[in-house]
Protein backbone atom coordinates (compact mmCIF):
# COMPACT_ATOMS: atom_id res chain seq x y z
CA MET A 1 5.91 -11.86 -1.26
CA CYS A 2 4.32 -12.29 -4.64
CA TRP A 3 3.38 -8.61 -5.10
CA ALA A 4 7.30 -7.89 -4.09
CA PHE A 5 8.55 -10.13 -6.99
CA ASP A 6 6.11 -8.50 -9.57
CA GLU A 7 7.42 -5.05 -8.48
CA ALA A 8 11.00 -6.18 -8.62
CA GLU A 9 10.75 -7.23 -12.00
CA ARG A 10 8.66 -3.84 -12.68
CA HIS A 11 11.67 -1.66 -11.46
CA GLY A 12 14.62 -4.34 -12.89
CA CYS A 13 15.91 -4.58 -9.31
CA GLY A 14 17.00 -6.97 -6.85
CA LEU A 15 14.82 -8.72 -3.57
CA ARG A 16 15.41 -8.25 -0.35
CA ALA A 17 13.14 -11.28 1.87
CA VAL A 18 13.15 -10.38 5.37
CA VAL A 19 12.16 -12.11 8.70
CA GLY A 20 13.49 -11.10 12.31
CA ILE A 21 13.23 -13.61 14.94
CA GLY A 22 14.04 -10.97 18.11
CA HIS A 23 11.67 -10.68 20.55
CA GLY A 24 12.63 -7.49 21.91
CA GLY A 25 13.73 -8.69 25.88
CA PRO A 26 16.52 -9.67 27.34
CA PRO A 27 18.69 -12.24 25.45
CA ARG A 28 17.47 -16.10 25.97
CA PRO A 29 19.95 -18.09 24.39
CA GLU A 30 18.18 -21.42 25.08
CA ALA A 31 15.25 -20.13 23.13
CA ALA A 32 17.51 -19.06 20.08
CA ASP A 33 19.07 -22.56 19.45
CA GLY A 34 18.37 -23.41 15.76
CA LEU A 35 16.38 -20.68 15.64
CA ALA A 36 17.29 -18.66 13.07
CA GLU A 37 18.15 -21.99 11.07
CA ARG A 38 14.99 -23.02 11.25
CA ALA A 39 13.50 -19.49 10.61
CA ALA A 40 16.26 -19.25 7.16
CA HIS A 41 14.59 -22.68 6.36
CA ALA A 42 11.16 -21.17 5.97
CA LEU A 43 11.71 -17.74 4.42
CA HIS A 44 13.59 -19.86 2.01
CA GLU A 45 11.05 -22.37 1.16
CA THR A 46 8.27 -18.49 0.94
CA VAL A 47 10.65 -16.98 -1.68
CA THR A 48 10.69 -20.34 -3.58
CA ALA A 49 7.32 -20.74 -3.56
CA SER A 50 6.02 -16.98 -4.16
CA ALA A 51 8.82 -16.57 -7.16
CA PRO A 52 6.88 -15.98 -10.93
CA ALA A 53 7.88 -18.83 -12.94
CA GLY A 54 10.96 -17.75 -14.84
CA SER A 55 11.68 -14.85 -12.70
CA SER A 56 15.02 -13.19 -12.90
CA VAL A 57 14.83 -11.07 -9.86
CA HIS A 58 17.73 -11.75 -7.44
CA VAL A 59 16.84 -12.50 -3.71
CA ALA A 60 18.81 -11.76 -0.80
CA GLU A 61 17.04 -13.87 2.13
CA GLU A 62 18.24 -11.99 5.59
CA VAL A 63 17.69 -13.62 8.73
CA VAL A 64 17.89 -10.68 11.28
CA ASP A 65 17.75 -10.40 15.17
CA GLN A 66 15.63 -7.53 15.96
CA PRO A 67 11.56 -8.16 15.93
CA GLY A 68 9.44 -8.11 12.35
CA ALA A 69 8.72 -3.77 12.48
CA GLU A 70 12.67 -3.12 13.29
CA ALA A 71 14.33 -6.09 11.13
CA LEU A 72 12.38 -4.43 8.23
CA LEU A 73 13.16 -0.73 8.86
CA THR A 74 16.65 -1.03 9.58
CA VAL A 75 17.22 -3.88 6.32
CA GLY A 76 14.91 -1.42 4.34
CA HIS A 77 15.84 1.84 5.63
CA ASN A 78 17.47 3.59 2.12
CA ALA A 79 15.08 0.16 0.25
CA ARG A 80 12.77 1.80 -3.01
CA MET A 81 10.44 0.64 -1.06
CA ILE A 82 8.88 -1.73 2.06
CA VAL A 83 6.39 -4.60 0.82
CA VAL A 84 4.67 -6.49 3.97
CA GLY A 85 1.46 -8.18 4.23
CA ALA A 86 -1.71 -7.12 5.82
CA ARG A 87 -2.24 -9.80 8.76
CA GLY A 88 -3.70 -9.75 12.91
CA ARG A 89 -6.99 -11.27 13.96
CA GLY A 90 -7.46 -8.43 16.91
CA LEU A 91 -10.98 -7.17 17.75
CA LEU A 92 -9.56 -3.57 17.29
CA HIS A 93 -9.79 -1.83 13.61
CA ARG A 94 -5.82 -1.28 13.73
CA LEU A 95 -5.02 -5.04 14.62
CA ARG A 96 -6.59 -6.26 11.75
CA VAL A 97 -3.80 -4.56 9.52
CA GLY A 98 -1.21 -6.05 11.79
CA SER A 99 1.02 -4.57 14.57
CA VAL A 100 4.51 -5.06 11.90
CA SER A 101 2.51 -3.68 9.20
CA ALA A 102 1.27 -0.61 11.20
CA SER A 103 4.31 0.02 12.93
CA VAL A 104 6.12 -0.42 9.57
CA ALA A 105 4.28 2.20 7.95
CA VAL A 106 4.40 4.84 10.63
CA HIS A 107 8.07 4.82 11.08
CA SER A 108 9.76 3.93 7.20
CA PRO A 109 10.75 6.99 5.34
CA ALA A 110 10.38 4.51 2.31
CA PRO A 111 7.24 4.22 0.70
CA VAL A 112 5.60 1.59 2.60
CA VAL A 113 3.02 -1.06 0.57
CA ILE A 114 0.50 -3.47 2.38
CA ALA A 115 -0.17 -5.63 -0.59
CA ARG A 116 -3.59 -7.60 0.29
CA GLY A 117 -6.16 -8.08 -1.88
CA GLY A 118 -6.19 -11.77 -2.80
CA ASP A 119 -2.81 -13.88 -4.47
CA PRO A 120 -1.43 -11.88 -6.94
CA ALA A 121 -0.31 -14.95 -8.83
CA GLN A 122 -3.64 -15.93 -9.24
CA THR A 123 -3.86 -12.85 -10.83
CA ARG A 124 -0.62 -12.81 -13.43
CA GLY A 125 -1.41 -12.17 -17.23
CA ARG A 126 -4.56 -10.24 -16.29
CA PRO A 127 -4.20 -6.64 -17.76
CA SER A 128 -3.13 -4.33 -15.49
CA ARG A 129 -5.54 -1.80 -14.00
CA ALA A 130 -5.48 1.96 -13.19
CA VAL A 131 -3.22 3.70 -10.12
CA ALA A 132 -5.19 5.55 -7.89
CA VAL A 133 -4.19 8.58 -5.44
CA GLY A 134 -5.30 10.60 -2.77
CA VAL A 135 -4.69 14.64 -3.65
CA ASP A 136 -5.27 17.03 -1.18
CA GLY A 137 -2.38 19.77 -1.66
CA SER A 138 -0.59 18.91 1.16
CA PRO A 139 2.88 18.13 1.20
CA ASN A 140 2.58 14.01 1.36
CA SER A 141 -0.10 14.34 -0.76
CA LEU A 142 1.84 16.19 -3.37
CA ALA A 143 4.66 12.80 -2.66
CA ALA A 144 2.10 10.61 -3.44
CA LEU A 145 1.09 12.12 -6.42
CA GLY A 146 4.63 11.94 -7.76
CA TRP A 147 5.17 8.53 -7.18
CA ALA A 148 2.35 7.61 -8.19
CA ALA A 149 2.41 8.62 -11.35
CA GLU A 150 5.81 6.71 -11.71
CA GLU A 151 4.06 3.64 -11.18
CA ALA A 152 1.40 4.06 -13.26
CA ASP A 153 3.94 5.22 -16.04
CA ARG A 154 5.62 1.86 -15.51
CA ARG A 155 2.75 0.03 -14.93
CA GLY A 156 1.23 1.37 -18.39
CA VAL A 157 -2.23 2.43 -17.04
CA ALA A 158 -3.78 5.48 -16.53
CA LEU A 159 -3.39 7.51 -13.29
CA ILE A 160 -6.68 8.83 -11.51
CA LEU A 161 -7.30 11.61 -9.08
CA VAL A 162 -8.71 11.47 -6.38
CA HIS A 163 -9.99 14.84 -4.35
CA ALA A 164 -13.17 14.66 -1.96
CA TRP A 165 -14.71 17.28 -0.80
CA LEU A 166 -18.35 16.93 0.99
CA ALA A 167 -15.70 16.83 4.20
CA ALA A 168 -15.00 20.34 3.89
CA ILE A 169 -18.51 21.51 4.20
CA PRO A 170 -19.96 22.66 7.48
CA LEU A 171 -22.48 21.22 9.01
CA PRO A 172 -25.58 24.02 8.38
CA PHE A 173 -25.17 23.30 5.07
CA ALA A 174 -25.38 19.67 5.06
CA GLU A 175 -28.50 20.46 2.76
CA ALA A 176 -27.05 23.22 1.04
CA PRO A 177 -28.69 25.21 -1.83
CA GLY A 178 -27.22 23.98 -5.97
CA GLU A 179 -25.17 27.47 -5.76
CA ILE A 180 -23.32 26.59 -2.77
CA THR A 181 -23.03 23.12 -3.63
CA GLN A 182 -21.38 24.43 -7.13
CA ALA A 183 -18.88 27.16 -5.74
CA LEU A 184 -17.54 24.10 -3.25
CA GLU A 185 -17.17 22.00 -6.15
CA GLU A 186 -15.38 24.40 -8.32
CA GLN A 187 -13.30 25.42 -5.57
CA ALA A 188 -12.05 21.42 -5.21
CA ARG A 189 -11.17 21.16 -8.95
CA ALA A 190 -8.76 24.34 -8.62
CA ALA A 191 -7.20 22.98 -5.52
CA LEU A 192 -7.25 19.55 -7.25
CA ASP A 193 -5.44 21.96 -10.61
CA GLU A 194 -3.66 23.25 -8.17
CA ALA A 195 -1.91 20.23 -6.97
CA VAL A 196 -1.17 18.55 -10.05
CA ALA A 197 0.54 22.00 -11.63
CA ALA A 198 3.07 21.85 -8.67
CA VAL A 199 4.64 18.65 -9.64
CA HIS A 200 3.74 18.51 -13.58
CA ASP A 201 7.26 19.37 -14.18
CA ALA A 202 7.82 15.40 -12.52
CA LEU A 203 5.17 13.84 -14.18
CA PRO A 204 5.97 11.15 -16.88
CA ALA A 205 5.18 12.31 -20.59
CA GLY A 206 2.56 10.67 -21.66
CA LEU A 207 0.68 9.66 -18.46
CA GLU A 208 -3.21 9.64 -19.14
CA LEU A 209 -4.80 11.74 -15.61
CA ARG A 210 -8.06 11.43 -14.86
CA ARG A 211 -9.11 13.93 -12.76
CA ARG A 212 -12.41 13.04 -10.43
CA VAL A 213 -13.78 15.12 -7.59
CA VAL A 214 -16.00 13.10 -5.33
CA PRO A 215 -19.01 14.99 -3.16
CA ASP A 216 -17.91 12.65 -0.56
CA SER A 217 -15.02 11.83 2.31
CA PRO A 218 -11.50 11.20 1.48
CA THR A 219 -11.90 8.02 2.79
CA GLN A 220 -14.84 6.57 0.99
CA ALA A 221 -13.56 8.43 -2.29
CA LEU A 222 -10.42 6.06 -2.14
CA LEU A 223 -12.24 2.92 -1.48
CA ALA A 224 -14.46 3.62 -4.28
CA ALA A 225 -11.25 4.17 -6.30
CA GLY A 226 -9.28 0.72 -4.86
CA ARG A 227 -12.24 -1.32 -5.78
CA GLU A 228 -11.28 -0.61 -9.73
CA CYS A 229 -7.39 0.27 -9.05
CA ASP A 230 -4.67 -2.25 -8.72
CA LEU A 231 -2.91 0.65 -6.49
CA VAL A 232 -3.72 2.79 -4.18
CA VAL A 233 -2.03 5.76 -3.11
CA VAL A 234 -2.24 8.03 0.02
CA GLY A 235 0.51 10.45 1.62
CA ALA A 236 1.17 9.43 5.45
CA ARG A 237 0.20 12.63 7.57
CA GLY A 238 -0.48 13.53 11.43
CA HIS A 239 1.69 13.89 14.55
CA GLY A 240 -0.17 12.24 17.16
CA GLY A 241 0.63 9.49 19.59
CA PHE A 242 -1.30 6.81 18.32
CA ALA A 243 -0.72 4.81 14.78
CA GLU A 244 -3.49 6.16 13.00
CA LEU A 245 -2.80 9.54 13.92
CA LEU A 246 0.83 9.60 12.59
CA LEU A 247 -0.45 8.25 9.47
CA GLY A 248 -3.61 10.11 9.39
CA SER A 249 -6.95 8.78 9.52
CA VAL A 250 -7.04 8.42 5.64
CA SER A 251 -4.28 6.32 5.48
CA HIS A 252 -4.97 4.31 8.25
CA GLN A 253 -8.51 3.34 7.04
CA CYS A 254 -7.33 2.58 3.72
CA MET A 255 -4.95 -0.23 4.95
CA ILE A 256 -7.57 -1.49 7.31
CA HIS A 257 -10.22 -1.75 4.62
CA CYS A 258 -8.89 -0.98 1.06
CA PRO A 259 -9.74 -4.22 -0.90
CA THR A 260 -6.31 -3.44 -3.20
CA PRO A 261 -2.87 -2.79 -2.30
CA VAL A 262 -2.04 0.54 -0.36
CA ALA A 263 0.99 2.33 -0.75
CA ILE A 264 1.96 4.87 2.20
CA ILE A 265 4.26 7.93 0.95
CA ARG A 266 6.01 10.27 3.50
CA ARG A 267 7.85 13.26 1.91
CA ARG A 268 11.75 12.45 2.65
């Protein structure tokens, strides 16, 4: 909630705080007696505790009779972005993110931000750090690049463009000679330059771009960048039947392990 307040302030827009009270099964009126009132009270307390002193952000508080993920997707279908917290206590990796967060990230056409990495209220007032974005040339990656550029410009920080190329090396070349390694790195740099050129006209004027071609897996390269940034942006990929496949393994792993907030962008 604190992160959402700060972001709404940057964008100069309102904030819709949503809580879902549905359970997805048959109606149970006797169990729901007073539930909406209690949920509304708890939501109001959370909003009040999260609001920065002197905040001008208008907040609309909504209690929706749907399960959490469905409530957020219904209310936020046309939102600028949906912000969810990282939750979950299960032993499986995907449960560490929380079923609501993962479901929203999979199904939302709007950008979804997994807010994690500590309480933003404790870091208010310190200088903003860079925004990092994973770039591989795919359509969702280019959408992520454009979105990340706007976020970096709004924050007045540099944009770090991360392109990893080690994963593309065939197994027989695990210890490739220097000339092969150099050729692969040059190819990666060309791919990154091509991606930047594809969205160049949409990039904010004067934005500082820091190109970073990393001989590592995409996930590890982005996690490393996340330790020095305030936001990591990735494109959603994949078409499988599980959450991590719908998002793409890189997006899913960043959601789980990144120490800072992660934005999942899907081309509209």
